[in-house]
Amino acid sequence: MKILINLIRNVLGVIMATLDLVTRGSKLKRTPEKQQEVNNALQQLSLYQFFACPFCIKTRRAMHKLNLPIETRSASEGSPHREELLAGGGRVKVPCLRIEQDGKVEWLYESSEIIRYLETRFS
């Protein structure tokens, strides 16, 4: 039964991810100078995620809309990023935004909180 549920979850996740890619809108336009400033700031961010997770898709969609090419890191089983997430954030829960600022690291969970943070900082 568990195998069937995982199979259904994975199939639905792939369908959702594909639909997301097909239906994405346009990106936020910035001047090249402003976009470079944003890109420099993004070097301190990384998103731990699963490809087919609906909340990760929601977060990646917002990143696309805001024109934020943040590094994504797969937290799938066997991935070294999974261990980083567990060690740094304290749990394997995605999406999780790793924010490094002024020598400190913050781990922000919950897609809505991540999106609110990104909109506030980069809109």
PDB file of N, CA and C in Angstrom:
ATOM      1  N   MET A   1       0.826  -1.200   0.000  1.00  0.00           N
ATOM      2  CA  MET A   1       0.000   0.000   0.000  1.00  0.00           C
ATOM      3  C   MET A   1       0.869   1.262   0.000  1.00  0.00           C
ATOM      4  N   LYS A   2       1.939   1.256   0.820  1.00  0.00           N
ATOM      5  CA  LYS A   2       2.818   2.409   0.895  1.00  0.00           C
ATOM      6  C   LYS A   2       3.500   2.662  -0.449  1.00  0.00           C
ATOM      7  N   ILE A   3       3.864   1.600  -1.146  1.00  0.00           N
ATOM      8  CA  ILE A   3       4.501   1.735  -2.457  1.00  0.00           C
ATOM      9  C   ILE A   3       3.543   2.393  -3.441  1.00  0.00           C
ATOM     10  N   LEU A   4       2.274   1.997  -3.402  1.00  0.00           N
ATOM     11  CA  LEU A   4       1.261   2.571  -4.288  1.00  0.00           C
ATOM     12  C   LEU A   4       1.070   4.066  -4.001  1.00  0.00           C
ATOM     13  N   ILE A   5       1.015   4.418  -2.738  1.00  0.00           N
ATOM     14  CA  ILE A   5       0.843   5.819  -2.366  1.00  0.00           C
ATOM     15  C   ILE A   5       2.038   6.647  -2.835  1.00  0.00           C
ATOM     16  N   ASN A   6       3.254   6.120  -2.645  1.00  0.00           N
ATOM     17  CA  ASN A   6       4.451   6.832  -3.108  1.00  0.00           C
ATOM     18  C   ASN A   6       4.454   6.975  -4.623  1.00  0.00           C
ATOM     19  N   LEU A   7       4.035   5.951  -5.323  1.00  0.00           N
ATOM     20  CA  LEU A   7       3.965   6.001  -6.779  1.00  0.00           C
ATOM     21  C   LEU A   7       2.986   7.075  -7.237  1.00  0.00           C
ATOM     22  N   ILE A   8       1.810   7.095  -6.642  1.00  0.00           N
ATOM     23  CA  ILE A   8       0.803   8.096  -6.991  1.00  0.00           C
ATOM     24  C   ILE A   8       1.328   9.502  -6.687  1.00  0.00           C
ATOM     25  N   ARG A   9       1.938   9.670  -5.519  1.00  0.00           N
ATOM     26  CA  ARG A   9       2.493  10.965  -5.132  1.00  0.00           C
ATOM     27  C   ARG A   9       3.549  11.423  -6.135  1.00  0.00           C
ATOM     28  N   ASN A  10       4.436  10.516  -6.531  1.00  0.00           N
ATOM     29  CA  ASN A  10       5.496  10.878  -7.468  1.00  0.00           C
ATOM     30  C   ASN A  10       4.954  11.213  -8.850  1.00  0.00           C
ATOM     31  N   VAL A  11       3.984  10.456  -9.325  1.00  0.00           N
ATOM     32  CA  VAL A  11       3.386  10.720 -10.636  1.00  0.00           C
ATOM     33  C   VAL A  11       2.677  12.080 -10.624  1.00  0.00           C
ATOM     34  N   LEU A  12       1.894  12.328  -9.584  1.00  0.00           N
ATOM     35  CA  LEU A  12       1.208  13.620  -9.488  1.00  0.00           C
ATOM     36  C   LEU A  12       2.208  14.774  -9.379  1.00  0.00           C
ATOM     37  N   GLY A  13       3.292  14.556  -8.634  1.00  0.00           N
ATOM     38  CA  GLY A  13       4.321  15.586  -8.505  1.00  0.00           C
ATOM     39  C   GLY A  13       4.965  15.928  -9.833  1.00  0.00           C
ATOM     40  N   VAL A  14       5.276  14.917 -10.633  1.00  0.00           N
ATOM     41  CA  VAL A  14       5.876  15.153 -11.945  1.00  0.00           C
ATOM     42  C   VAL A  14       4.899  15.895 -12.856  1.00  0.00           C
ATOM     43  N   ILE A  15       3.630  15.523 -12.787  1.00  0.00           N
ATOM     44  CA  ILE A  15       2.606  16.215 -13.587  1.00  0.00           C
ATOM     45  C   ILE A  15       2.525  17.684 -13.168  1.00  0.00           C
ATOM     46  N   MET A  16       2.517  17.939 -11.849  1.00  0.00           N
ATOM     47  CA  MET A  16       2.442  19.318 -11.359  1.00  0.00           C
ATOM     48  C   MET A  16       3.675  20.114 -11.773  1.00  0.00           C
ATOM     49  N   ALA A  17       4.851  19.515 -11.671  1.00  0.00           N
ATOM     50  CA  ALA A  17       6.088  20.211 -12.045  1.00  0.00           C
ATOM     51  C   ALA A  17       6.092  20.532 -13.534  1.00  0.00           C
ATOM     52  N   THR A  18       5.601  19.608 -14.335  1.00  0.00           N
ATOM     53  CA  THR A  18       5.535  19.833 -15.782  1.00  0.00           C
ATOM     54  C   THR A  18       4.553  20.964 -16.104  1.00  0.00           C
ATOM     55  N   LEU A  19       3.381  20.926 -15.477  1.00  0.00           N
ATOM     56  CA  LEU A  19       2.407  22.003 -15.686  1.00  0.00           C
ATOM     57  C   LEU A  19       2.969  23.353 -15.255  1.00  0.00           C
ATOM     58  N   ASP A  20       3.731  23.360 -14.173  1.00  0.00           N
ATOM     59  CA  ASP A  20       4.352  24.599 -13.715  1.00  0.00           C
ATOM     60  C   ASP A  20       5.288  25.148 -14.779  1.00  0.00           C
ATOM     61  N   LEU A  21       6.118  24.295 -15.337  1.00  0.00           N
ATOM     62  CA  LEU A  21       7.066  24.745 -16.358  1.00  0.00           C
ATOM     63  C   LEU A  21       6.360  25.282 -17.594  1.00  0.00           C
ATOM     64  N   VAL A  22       5.254  24.660 -17.964  1.00  0.00           N
ATOM     65  CA  VAL A  22       4.525  25.048 -19.170  1.00  0.00           C
ATOM     66  C   VAL A  22       3.745  26.350 -18.967  1.00  0.00           C
ATOM     67  N   THR A  23       3.272  26.586 -17.755  1.00  0.00           N
ATOM     68  CA  THR A  23       2.374  27.724 -17.525  1.00  0.00           C
ATOM     69  C   THR A  23       3.027  28.910 -16.822  1.00  0.00           C
ATOM     70  N   ARG A  24       4.330  28.866 -16.634  1.00  0.00           N
ATOM     71  CA  ARG A  24       4.997  29.984 -15.962  1.00  0.00           C
ATOM     72  C   ARG A  24       4.811  31.270 -16.753  1.00  0.00           C
ATOM     73  N   GLY A  25       4.616  32.333 -16.023  1.00  0.00           N
ATOM     74  CA  GLY A  25       4.476  33.643 -16.655  1.00  0.00           C
ATOM     75  C   GLY A  25       5.827  34.283 -16.898  1.00  0.00           C
ATOM     76  N   SER A  26       5.789  35.569 -17.140  1.00  0.00           N
ATOM     77  CA  SER A  26       7.028  36.286 -17.415  1.00  0.00           C
ATOM     78  C   SER A  26       7.718  36.660 -16.102  1.00  0.00           C
ATOM     79  N   LYS A  27       9.016  36.915 -16.217  1.00  0.00           N
ATOM     80  CA  LYS A  27       9.823  37.289 -15.062  1.00  0.00           C
ATOM     81  C   LYS A  27       9.755  38.794 -14.843  1.00  0.00           C
ATOM     82  N   LEU A  28      10.000  39.194 -13.613  1.00  0.00           N
ATOM     83  CA  LEU A  28      10.128  40.601 -13.264  1.00  0.00           C
ATOM     84  C   LEU A  28      11.305  41.188 -14.029  1.00  0.00           C
ATOM     85  N   LYS A  29      11.094  42.340 -14.651  1.00  0.00           N
ATOM     86  CA  LYS A  29      12.153  42.999 -15.420  1.00  0.00           C
ATOM     87  C   LYS A  29      12.887  44.008 -14.530  1.00  0.00           C
ATOM     88  N   ARG A  30      14.210  43.953 -14.592  1.00  0.00           N
ATOM     89  CA  ARG A  30      15.061  44.909 -13.894  1.00  0.00           C
ATOM     90  C   ARG A  30      16.108  45.404 -14.880  1.00  0.00           C
ATOM     91  N   THR A  31      16.707  46.542 -14.564  1.00  0.00           N
ATOM     92  CA  THR A  31      17.832  46.989 -15.376  1.00  0.00           C
ATOM     93  C   THR A  31      18.967  45.977 -15.181  1.00  0.00           C
ATOM     94  N   PRO A  32      19.868  45.869 -16.149  1.00  0.00           N
ATOM     95  CA  PRO A  32      20.985  44.928 -15.987  1.00  0.00           C
ATOM     96  C   PRO A  32      21.789  45.180 -14.712  1.00  0.00           C
ATOM     97  N   GLU A  33      21.970  46.441 -14.354  1.00  0.00           N
ATOM     98  CA  GLU A  33      22.720  46.772 -13.142  1.00  0.00           C
ATOM     99  C   GLU A  33      21.987  46.293 -11.896  1.00  0.00           C
ATOM    100  N   LYS A  34      20.687  46.552 -11.859  1.00  0.00           N
ATOM    101  CA  LYS A  34      19.878  46.134 -10.704  1.00  0.00           C
ATOM    102  C   LYS A  34      19.825  44.615 -10.613  1.00  0.00           C
ATOM    103  N   GLN A  35      19.689  43.936 -11.756  1.00  0.00           N
ATOM    104  CA  GLN A  35      19.653  42.480 -11.739  1.00  0.00           C
ATOM    105  C   GLN A  35      20.978  41.918 -11.244  1.00  0.00           C
ATOM    106  N   GLN A  36      22.076  42.568 -11.606  1.00  0.00           N
ATOM    107  CA  GLN A  36      23.388  42.108 -11.120  1.00  0.00           C
ATOM    108  C   GLN A  36      23.493  42.273  -9.604  1.00  0.00           C
ATOM    109  N   GLU A  37      22.962  43.370  -9.070  1.00  0.00           N
ATOM    110  CA  GLU A  37      22.927  43.563  -7.612  1.00  0.00           C
ATOM    111  C   GLU A  37      22.134  42.451  -6.946  1.00  0.00           C
ATOM    112  N   VAL A  38      20.972  42.139  -7.529  1.00  0.00           N
ATOM    113  CA  VAL A  38      20.130  41.072  -6.992  1.00  0.00           C
ATOM    114  C   VAL A  38      20.870  39.741  -7.062  1.00  0.00           C
ATOM    115  N   ASN A  39      21.478  39.453  -8.205  1.00  0.00           N
ATOM    116  CA  ASN A  39      22.212  38.193  -8.366  1.00  0.00           C
ATOM    117  C   ASN A  39      23.335  38.072  -7.342  1.00  0.00           C
ATOM    118  N   ASN A  40      24.020  39.171  -7.062  1.00  0.00           N
ATOM    119  CA  ASN A  40      25.072  39.149  -6.051  1.00  0.00           C
ATOM    120  C   ASN A  40      24.499  38.820  -4.673  1.00  0.00           C
ATOM    121  N   ALA A  41      23.365  39.410  -4.336  1.00  0.00           N
ATOM    122  CA  ALA A  41      22.719  39.137  -3.046  1.00  0.00           C
ATOM    123  C   ALA A  41      22.253  37.688  -2.956  1.00  0.00           C
ATOM    124  N   LEU A  42      21.859  37.114  -4.098  1.00  0.00           N
ATOM    125  CA  LEU A  42      21.356  35.738  -4.113  1.00  0.00           C
ATOM    126  C   LEU A  42      22.446  34.708  -3.838  1.00  0.00           C
ATOM    127  N   GLN A  43      23.706  35.108  -3.933  1.00  0.00           N
ATOM    128  CA  GLN A  43      24.803  34.182  -3.657  1.00  0.00           C
ATOM    129  C   GLN A  43      24.755  33.693  -2.209  1.00  0.00           C
ATOM    130  N   GLN A  44      24.055  34.411  -1.358  1.00  0.00           N
ATOM    131  CA  GLN A  44      23.950  34.048   0.058  1.00  0.00           C
ATOM    132  C   GLN A  44      22.707  33.210   0.356  1.00  0.00           C
ATOM    133  N   LEU A  45      21.958  32.846  -0.690  1.00  0.00           N
ATOM    134  CA  LEU A  45      20.728  32.078  -0.500  1.00  0.00           C
ATOM    135  C   LEU A  45      20.812  30.749  -1.239  1.00  0.00           C
ATOM    136  N   SER A  46      20.181  29.738  -0.674  1.00  0.00           N
ATOM    137  CA  SER A  46      20.000  28.471  -1.384  1.00  0.00           C
ATOM    138  C   SER A  46      18.701  27.838  -0.904  1.00  0.00           C
ATOM    139  N   LEU A  47      18.018  27.184  -1.825  1.00  0.00           N
ATOM    140  CA  LEU A  47      16.729  26.570  -1.526  1.00  0.00           C
ATOM    141  C   LEU A  47      16.890  25.053  -1.520  1.00  0.00           C
ATOM    142  N   TYR A  48      16.621  24.441  -0.377  1.00  0.00           N
ATOM    143  CA  TYR A  48      16.597  22.980  -0.263  1.00  0.00           C
ATOM    144  C   TYR A  48      15.189  22.542  -0.623  1.00  0.00           C
ATOM    145  N   GLN A  49      15.090  21.558  -1.518  1.00  0.00           N
ATOM    146  CA  GLN A  49      13.778  21.224  -2.065  1.00  0.00           C
ATOM    147  C   GLN A  49      13.742  19.815  -2.643  1.00  0.00           C
ATOM    148  N   PHE A  50      12.528  19.360  -2.904  1.00  0.00           N
ATOM    149  CA  PHE A  50      12.278  18.146  -3.683  1.00  0.00           C
ATOM    150  C   PHE A  50      11.657  18.610  -4.993  1.00  0.00           C
ATOM    151  N   PHE A  51      12.030  17.999  -6.099  1.00  0.00           N
ATOM    152  CA  PHE A  51      11.544  18.417  -7.411  1.00  0.00           C
ATOM    153  C   PHE A  51      10.023  18.394  -7.512  1.00  0.00           C
ATOM    154  N   ALA A  52       9.391  17.332  -7.027  1.00  0.00           N
ATOM    155  CA  ALA A  52       7.953  17.154  -7.241  1.00  0.00           C
ATOM    156  C   ALA A  52       7.087  17.591  -6.065  1.00  0.00           C
ATOM    157  N   CYS A  53       7.659  18.205  -5.055  1.00  0.00           N
ATOM    158  CA  CYS A  53       6.896  18.667  -3.890  1.00  0.00           C
ATOM    159  C   CYS A  53       6.041  19.877  -4.279  1.00  0.00           C
ATOM    160  N   PRO A  54       4.739  19.843  -4.023  1.00  0.00           N
ATOM    161  CA  PRO A  54       3.870  20.966  -4.403  1.00  0.00           C
ATOM    162  C   PRO A  54       4.281  22.296  -3.773  1.00  0.00           C
ATOM    163  N   PHE A  55       4.734  22.273  -2.526  1.00  0.00           N
ATOM    164  CA  PHE A  55       5.135  23.512  -1.862  1.00  0.00           C
ATOM    165  C   PHE A  55       6.459  24.026  -2.415  1.00  0.00           C
ATOM    166  N   CYS A  56       7.319  23.119  -2.847  1.00  0.00           N
ATOM    167  CA  CYS A  56       8.576  23.517  -3.501  1.00  0.00           C
ATOM    168  C   CYS A  56       8.279  24.100  -4.874  1.00  0.00           C
ATOM    169  N   ILE A  57       7.338  23.511  -5.586  1.00  0.00           N
ATOM    170  CA  ILE A  57       6.930  24.045  -6.887  1.00  0.00           C
ATOM    171  C   ILE A  57       6.384  25.457  -6.717  1.00  0.00           C
ATOM    172  N   LYS A  58       5.558  25.654  -5.712  1.00  0.00           N
ATOM    173  CA  LYS A  58       5.000  26.981  -5.420  1.00  0.00           C
ATOM    174  C   LYS A  58       6.123  27.992  -5.164  1.00  0.00           C
ATOM    175  N   THR A  59       7.125  27.577  -4.405  1.00  0.00           N
ATOM    176  CA  THR A  59       8.246  28.462  -4.081  1.00  0.00           C
ATOM    177  C   THR A  59       9.094  28.754  -5.315  1.00  0.00           C
ATOM    178  N   ARG A  60       9.389  27.719  -6.111  1.00  0.00           N
ATOM    179  CA  ARG A  60      10.174  27.928  -7.335  1.00  0.00           C
ATOM    180  C   ARG A  60       9.419  28.818  -8.317  1.00  0.00           C
ATOM    181  N   ARG A  61       8.110  28.680  -8.352  1.00  0.00           N
ATOM    182  CA  ARG A  61       7.291  29.510  -9.247  1.00  0.00           C
ATOM    183  C   ARG A  61       7.412  30.987  -8.846  1.00  0.00           C
ATOM    184  N   ALA A  62       7.363  31.258  -7.552  1.00  0.00           N
ATOM    185  CA  ALA A  62       7.515  32.633  -7.064  1.00  0.00           C
ATOM    186  C   ALA A  62       8.919  33.151  -7.369  1.00  0.00           C
ATOM    187  N   MET A  63       9.930  32.301  -7.214  1.00  0.00           N
ATOM    188  CA  MET A  63      11.301  32.694  -7.536  1.00  0.00           C
ATOM    189  C   MET A  63      11.406  33.074  -9.011  1.00  0.00           C
ATOM    190  N   HIS A  64      10.761  32.300  -9.869  1.00  0.00           N
ATOM    191  CA  HIS A  64      10.771  32.602 -11.307  1.00  0.00           C
ATOM    192  C   HIS A  64      10.106  33.949 -11.574  1.00  0.00           C
ATOM    193  N   LYS A  65       8.938  34.148 -10.997  1.00  0.00           N
ATOM    194  CA  LYS A  65       8.179  35.385 -11.209  1.00  0.00           C
ATOM    195  C   LYS A  65       8.981  36.603 -10.745  1.00  0.00           C
ATOM    196  N   LEU A  66       9.718  36.454  -9.634  1.00  0.00           N
ATOM    197  CA  LEU A  66      10.517  37.555  -9.095  1.00  0.00           C
ATOM    198  C   LEU A  66      11.894  37.656  -9.760  1.00  0.00           C
ATOM    199  N   ASN A  67      12.177  36.759 -10.711  1.00  0.00           N
ATOM    200  CA  ASN A  67      13.453  36.734 -11.429  1.00  0.00           C
ATOM    201  C   ASN A  67      14.619  36.577 -10.449  1.00  0.00           C
ATOM    202  N   LEU A  68      14.510  35.528  -9.624  1.00  0.00           N
ATOM    203  CA  LEU A  68      15.510  35.251  -8.599  1.00  0.00           C
ATOM    204  C   LEU A  68      16.140  33.886  -8.860  1.00  0.00           C
ATOM    205  N   PRO A  69      17.255  33.845  -9.579  1.00  0.00           N
ATOM    206  CA  PRO A  69      17.911  32.567  -9.857  1.00  0.00           C
ATOM    207  C   PRO A  69      18.688  32.049  -8.643  1.00  0.00           C
ATOM    208  N   ILE A  70      17.948  31.607  -7.652  1.00  0.00           N
ATOM    209  CA  ILE A  70      18.534  31.082  -6.414  1.00  0.00           C
ATOM    210  C   ILE A  70      18.974  29.639  -6.652  1.00  0.00           C
ATOM    211  N   GLU A  71      20.125  29.287  -6.103  1.00  0.00           N
ATOM    212  CA  GLU A  71      20.603  27.913  -6.212  1.00  0.00           C
ATOM    213  C   GLU A  71      19.617  26.981  -5.515  1.00  0.00           C
ATOM    214  N   THR A  72      19.228  25.910  -6.204  1.00  0.00           N
ATOM    215  CA  THR A  72      18.372  24.896  -5.596  1.00  0.00           C
ATOM    216  C   THR A  72      19.216  23.673  -5.283  1.00  0.00           C
ATOM    217  N   ARG A  73      18.918  23.064  -4.150  1.00  0.00           N
ATOM    218  CA  ARG A  73      19.636  21.882  -3.696  1.00  0.00           C
ATOM    219  C   ARG A  73      18.636  20.785  -3.377  1.00  0.00           C
ATOM    220  N   SER A  74      18.825  19.648  -4.000  1.00  0.00           N
ATOM    221  CA  SER A  74      17.930  18.523  -3.770  1.00  0.00           C
ATOM    222  C   SER A  74      18.178  17.928  -2.394  1.00  0.00           C
ATOM    223  N   ALA A  75      17.113  17.738  -1.644  1.00  0.00           N
ATOM    224  CA  ALA A  75      17.201  17.130  -0.318  1.00  0.00           C
ATOM    225  C   ALA A  75      16.721  15.678  -0.353  1.00  0.00           C
ATOM    226  N   SER A  76      16.778  15.063  -1.528  1.00  0.00           N
ATOM    227  CA  SER A  76      16.341  13.670  -1.673  1.00  0.00           C
ATOM    228  C   SER A  76      17.248  12.735  -0.886  1.00  0.00           C
ATOM    229  N   GLU A  77      16.734  11.565  -0.598  1.00  0.00           N
ATOM    230  CA  GLU A  77      17.513  10.566   0.146  1.00  0.00           C
ATOM    231  C   GLU A  77      18.818  10.286  -0.579  1.00  0.00           C
ATOM    232  N   GLY A  78      19.884  10.199   0.191  1.00  0.00           N
ATOM    233  CA  GLY A  78      21.187   9.916  -0.379  1.00  0.00           C
ATOM    234  C   GLY A  78      21.945  11.157  -0.828  1.00  0.00           C
ATOM    235  N   SER A  79      21.304  12.296  -0.837  1.00  0.00           N
ATOM    236  CA  SER A  79      21.942  13.540  -1.265  1.00  0.00           C
ATOM    237  C   SER A  79      22.736  14.148  -0.102  1.00  0.00           C
ATOM    238  N   PRO A  80      23.937  14.659  -0.372  1.00  0.00           N
ATOM    239  CA  PRO A  80      24.672  15.332   0.702  1.00  0.00           C
ATOM    240  C   PRO A  80      23.949  16.588   1.199  1.00  0.00           C
ATOM    241  N   HIS A  81      23.129  17.172   0.335  1.00  0.00           N
ATOM    242  CA  HIS A  81      22.370  18.356   0.745  1.00  0.00           C
ATOM    243  C   HIS A  81      21.338  18.010   1.810  1.00  0.00           C
ATOM    244  N   ARG A  82      20.848  16.789   1.790  1.00  0.00           N
ATOM    245  CA  ARG A  82      19.898  16.338   2.815  1.00  0.00           C
ATOM    246  C   ARG A  82      20.561  16.390   4.188  1.00  0.00           C
ATOM    247  N   GLU A  83      21.796  15.933   4.249  1.00  0.00           N
ATOM    248  CA  GLU A  83      22.539  15.947   5.509  1.00  0.00           C
ATOM    249  C   GLU A  83      22.829  17.378   5.956  1.00  0.00           C
ATOM    250  N   GLU A  84      23.146  18.268   5.008  1.00  0.00           N
ATOM    251  CA  GLU A  84      23.361  19.686   5.331  1.00  0.00           C
ATOM    252  C   GLU A  84      22.097  20.282   5.943  1.00  0.00           C
ATOM    253  N   LEU A  85      20.951  19.972   5.337  1.00  0.00           N
ATOM    254  CA  LEU A  85      19.668  20.484   5.811  1.00  0.00           C
ATOM    255  C   LEU A  85      19.385  19.992   7.224  1.00  0.00           C
ATOM    256  N   LEU A  86      19.614  18.715   7.460  1.00  0.00           N
ATOM    257  CA  LEU A  86      19.374  18.146   8.785  1.00  0.00           C
ATOM    258  C   LEU A  86      20.320  18.750   9.818  1.00  0.00           C
ATOM    259  N   ALA A  87      21.594  18.843   9.468  1.00  0.00           N
ATOM    260  CA  ALA A  87      22.590  19.375  10.408  1.00  0.00           C
ATOM    261  C   ALA A  87      22.372  20.864  10.679  1.00  0.00           C
ATOM    262  N   GLY A  88      22.088  21.621   9.635  1.00  0.00           N
ATOM    263  CA  GLY A  88      21.960  23.068   9.794  1.00  0.00           C
ATOM    264  C   GLY A  88      20.598  23.517  10.270  1.00  0.00           C
ATOM    265  N   GLY A  89      19.552  22.987   9.631  1.00  0.00           N
ATOM    266  CA  GLY A  89      18.195  23.413   9.952  1.00  0.00           C
ATOM    267  C   GLY A  89      17.548  22.613  11.069  1.00  0.00           C
ATOM    268  N   GLY A  90      18.100  21.433  11.329  1.00  0.00           N
ATOM    269  CA  GLY A  90      17.569  20.622  12.420  1.00  0.00           C
ATOM    270  C   GLY A  90      16.520  19.612  12.009  1.00  0.00           C
ATOM    271  N   ARG A  91      16.075  19.673  10.775  1.00  0.00           N
ATOM    272  CA  ARG A  91      15.074  18.702  10.296  1.00  0.00           C
ATOM    273  C   ARG A  91      15.089  18.678   8.777  1.00  0.00           C
ATOM    274  N   VAL A  92      14.630  17.562   8.239  1.00  0.00           N
ATOM    275  CA  VAL A  92      14.515  17.429   6.792  1.00  0.00           C
ATOM    276  C   VAL A  92      13.074  17.761   6.435  1.00  0.00           C
ATOM    277  N   LYS A  93      12.858  19.026   6.126  1.00  0.00           N
ATOM    278  CA  LYS A  93      11.540  19.521   5.735  1.00  0.00           C
ATOM    279  C   LYS A  93      11.775  20.526   4.624  1.00  0.00           C
ATOM    280  N   VAL A  94      11.041  20.384   3.550  1.00  0.00           N
ATOM    281  CA  VAL A  94      11.207  21.277   2.404  1.00  0.00           C
ATOM    282  C   VAL A  94       9.882  21.928   2.057  1.00  0.00           C
ATOM    283  N   PRO A  95       9.945  23.078   1.404  1.00  0.00           N
ATOM    284  CA  PRO A  95      11.128  23.839   1.047  1.00  0.00           C
ATOM    285  C   PRO A  95      11.739  24.501   2.273  1.00  0.00           C
ATOM    286  N   CYS A  96      13.031  24.759   2.167  1.00  0.00           N
ATOM    287  CA  CYS A  96      13.756  25.456   3.221  1.00  0.00           C
ATOM    288  C   CYS A  96      14.765  26.387   2.559  1.00  0.00           C
ATOM    289  N   LEU A  97      14.698  27.649   2.901  1.00  0.00           N
ATOM    290  CA  LEU A  97      15.620  28.636   2.359  1.00  0.00           C
ATOM    291  C   LEU A  97      16.736  28.865   3.367  1.00  0.00           C
ATOM    292  N   ARG A  98      17.970  28.636   2.921  1.00  0.00           N
ATOM    293  CA  ARG A  98      19.150  28.903   3.751  1.00  0.00           C
ATOM    294  C   ARG A  98      19.599  30.322   3.437  1.00  0.00           C
ATOM    295  N   ILE A  99      19.632  31.166   4.473  1.00  0.00           N
ATOM    296  CA  ILE A  99      19.987  32.572   4.328  1.00  0.00           C
ATOM    297  C   ILE A  99      21.262  32.817   5.128  1.00  0.00           C
ATOM    298  N   GLU A 100      22.316  33.184   4.416  1.00  0.00           N
ATOM    299  CA  GLU A 100      23.575  33.515   5.091  1.00  0.00           C
ATOM    300  C   GLU A 100      23.754  35.023   5.017  1.00  0.00           C
ATOM    301  N   GLN A 101      23.874  35.649   6.182  1.00  0.00           N
ATOM    302  CA  GLN A 101      23.974  37.100   6.210  1.00  0.00           C
ATOM    303  C   GLN A 101      24.793  37.518   7.427  1.00  0.00           C
ATOM    304  N   ASP A 102      25.785  38.357   7.200  1.00  0.00           N
ATOM    305  CA  ASP A 102      26.635  38.868   8.270  1.00  0.00           C
ATOM    306  C   ASP A 102      27.255  37.743   9.102  1.00  0.00           C
ATOM    307  N   GLY A 103      27.666  36.676   8.442  1.00  0.00           N
ATOM    308  CA  GLY A 103      28.313  35.561   9.122  1.00  0.00           C
ATOM    309  C   GLY A 103      27.372  34.642   9.877  1.00  0.00           C
ATOM    310  N   LYS A 104      26.082  34.897   9.798  1.00  0.00           N
ATOM    311  CA  LYS A 104      25.083  34.059  10.476  1.00  0.00           C
ATOM    312  C   LYS A 104      24.248  33.332   9.435  1.00  0.00           C
ATOM    313  N   VAL A 105      23.760  32.155   9.800  1.00  0.00           N
ATOM    314  CA  VAL A 105      22.917  31.370   8.900  1.00  0.00           C
ATOM    315  C   VAL A 105      21.547  31.194   9.530  1.00  0.00           C
ATOM    316  N   GLU A 106      20.522  31.483   8.739  1.00  0.00           N
ATOM    317  CA  GLU A 106      19.125  31.294   9.156  1.00  0.00           C
ATOM    318  C   GLU A 106      18.497  30.286   8.210  1.00  0.00           C
ATOM    319  N   TRP A 107      17.677  29.412   8.752  1.00  0.00           N
ATOM    320  CA  TRP A 107      16.973  28.403   7.957  1.00  0.00           C
ATOM    321  C   TRP A 107      15.489  28.740   8.008  1.00  0.00           C
ATOM    322  N   LEU A 108      14.923  29.107   6.866  1.00  0.00           N
ATOM    323  CA  LEU A 108      13.531  29.538   6.799  1.00  0.00           C
ATOM    324  C   LEU A 108      12.687  28.453   6.130  1.00  0.00           C
ATOM    325  N   TYR A 109      11.765  27.891   6.889  1.00  0.00           N
ATOM    326  CA  TYR A 109      10.866  26.852   6.392  1.00  0.00           C
ATOM    327  C   TYR A 109       9.521  27.481   6.013  1.00  0.00           C
ATOM    328  N   GLU A 110       8.671  26.697   5.380  1.00  0.00           N
ATOM    329  CA  GLU A 110       7.314  27.084   4.977  1.00  0.00           C
ATOM    330  C   GLU A 110       7.333  27.946   3.719  1.00  0.00           C
ATOM    331  N   SER A 111       6.704  27.435   2.677  1.00  0.00           N
ATOM    332  CA  SER A 111       6.703  28.117   1.379  1.00  0.00           C
ATOM    333  C   SER A 111       6.164  29.539   1.468  1.00  0.00           C
ATOM    334  N   SER A 112       5.095  29.749   2.197  1.00  0.00           N
ATOM    335  CA  SER A 112       4.511  31.095   2.291  1.00  0.00           C
ATOM    336  C   SER A 112       5.462  32.072   2.964  1.00  0.00           C
ATOM    337  N   GLU A 113       6.175  31.622   3.987  1.00  0.00           N
ATOM    338  CA  GLU A 113       7.152  32.472   4.674  1.00  0.00           C
ATOM    339  C   GLU A 113       8.335  32.790   3.765  1.00  0.00           C
ATOM    340  N   ILE A 114       8.788  31.787   3.023  1.00  0.00           N
ATOM    341  CA  ILE A 114       9.897  31.984   2.090  1.00  0.00           C
ATOM    342  C   ILE A 114       9.508  33.001   1.021  1.00  0.00           C
ATOM    343  N   ILE A 115       8.330  32.821   0.448  1.00  0.00           N
ATOM    344  CA  ILE A 115       7.865  33.729  -0.607  1.00  0.00           C
ATOM    345  C   ILE A 115       7.709  35.146  -0.059  1.00  0.00           C
ATOM    346  N   ARG A 116       7.159  35.277   1.122  1.00  0.00           N
ATOM    347  CA  ARG A 116       6.989  36.606   1.737  1.00  0.00           C
ATOM    348  C   ARG A 116       8.361  37.262   1.939  1.00  0.00           C
ATOM    349  N   TYR A 117       9.333  36.501   2.416  1.00  0.00           N
ATOM    350  CA  TYR A 117      10.687  37.020   2.607  1.00  0.00           C
ATOM    351  C   TYR A 117      11.268  37.501   1.268  1.00  0.00           C
ATOM    352  N   LEU A 118      11.148  36.679   0.230  1.00  0.00           N
ATOM    353  CA  LEU A 118      11.702  37.036  -1.082  1.00  0.00           C
ATOM    354  C   LEU A 118      11.008  38.271  -1.669  1.00  0.00           C
ATOM    355  N   GLU A 119       9.689  38.315  -1.558  1.00  0.00           N
ATOM    356  CA  GLU A 119       8.949  39.473  -2.075  1.00  0.00           C
ATOM    357  C   GLU A 119       9.345  40.752  -1.338  1.00  0.00           C
ATOM    358  N   THR A 120       9.483  40.653  -0.033  1.00  0.00           N
ATOM    359  CA  THR A 120       9.849  41.819   0.760  1.00  0.00           C
ATOM    360  C   THR A 120      11.260  42.290   0.422  1.00  0.00           C
ATOM    361  N   ARG A 121      12.163  41.372   0.275  1.00  0.00           N
ATOM    362  CA  ARG A 121      13.565  41.742   0.057  1.00  0.00           C
ATOM    363  C   ARG A 121      13.877  42.135  -1.378  1.00  0.00           C
ATOM    364  N   PHE A 122      13.191  41.514  -2.364  1.00  0.00           N
ATOM    365  CA  PHE A 122      13.602  41.690  -3.760  1.00  0.00           C
ATOM    366  C   PHE A 122      12.561  42.302  -4.698  1.00  0.00           C
ATOM    367  N   SER A 123      11.415  42.709  -4.200  1.00  0.00           N
ATOM    368  CA  SER A 123      10.414  43.325  -5.082  1.00  0.00           C
ATOM    369  C   SER A 123      10.680  44.794  -5.293  1.00  0.00           C
TER     370      SER A 123
END
